[in-house]
């Protein structure tokens, strides 16, 4: 069981009594007589309330304790006990510690004492601001701040009037989009915006040309499944190229390790008589080490931005006699000058045994390297690729391209190729192809 302890309102006379209530709704009767509920306490607490009353020298308080304690312990049928304290609460509250009172008034005085000084300071600052003479206004501020003048200065000397600073005309950068240039995006040259490890990024161009046309004669390899008449000059061409960073700042340097993958396909989508086959697909995985440079070469504004070394494999994944593959060690230098980007690429073919080599003379057609150039002008991107075999039987290949963004990340794309090695299957066949399609833009 629990007891209800009741405190008499200050207006009521101090007394102690006991009462029995059947439920809490009886509170209204007691409150109506001038009492309020303070808490609900267990029976041991009733004893603690009765003990001081029992030791009181006042006869009335001892009588209250004598009647209160048995009522709380001996009546099994009583659901609750209402005890009335003999002393009403002090209207003035608990006594205040003198030390606390002293600290309160001392703090109040300290807080209020600066107010007049602050008001005077604000008025004086306004007076200084109204002075029109530069020297007088400065002296006024010095006096308010309590600053001492340099003894070497003459207070009466006139201030020297400095000549107005000449307007410096800042020349605009040669290329406003240099911060998001081709090399910057593809190799994370902007170190303030890293993309982290194992995040897919663009490696080379990603495009889809639903329509391409090659007007040169095509000679399929021997034992190929289709004849010359069955190959359509109009076909689709697309390329997917991505890479991801495996290791950043190798050995604490500005050198990163990447893995790249490029896939290029030629699709006879309009050759419905032959079930629209994929005529050729080239797969090109590679492991790349790239150094993030930023060196001014003093050659027409050219800056060295990247140095790249790659271990490259390229194949078409087909069986004899249409199997094509080769392995290379590739070195590449990336240069930029404003809107111009240059990529100088050279390679060394890793030798294979004569029995395993499906394309022994591929170097005679593709040569030892290539030059790529990109130029950005008002969101128009112009590109060029140039190769030569540097042999007496001269074979030159060139690719020209143009693109312009039409959506947020998509642009219209035109590509023209003339030469050898457009793909591995017919690397030794001369192609003259033009195509129209779409490209994923990553330069603006």
Foldseek 3Di string as FASTA:
>chain_A
DKAWEKEFAPVDAFAKDKDFDDDPVCQVVVVVVGIDTDDIGHLVVQVVLLVVLCPDPDPRSVVRSVRQNCVSPPDPPGPYIYIYGRDHDDPVDDDDDPVVVVVVVVVVCVVPVCVVVVVVLVVLLVVLVPDPDPLSSVVSVCVSVVHDDDVVDDSPDDDDDDDDDDDDDDDDALAPLPCQAPCCQQVVLPVVDDPDFPDKDFHDWWWKFAWKFWPDQDQADPPDPDGSVLDHRIWIKTKDKIKTWDAQCVVVARKTKMKMKMKIWTWQQVSVVVPTHTPFMKIKIKIKIKHAAFAQPPDQQKTWGIKMWMWMKMWGPDDPPQTAIWIKIKIWTWIDHHQKIKIWMFIDTDDDDPVPHNCPCLLQFFAGTKMKMWGDDPQKIKIKIWGWNPDPPIWIKMKIKIWHDDDDFKIKIKMWIFTACPDGRGRVDTTTMITITMIGDRGD
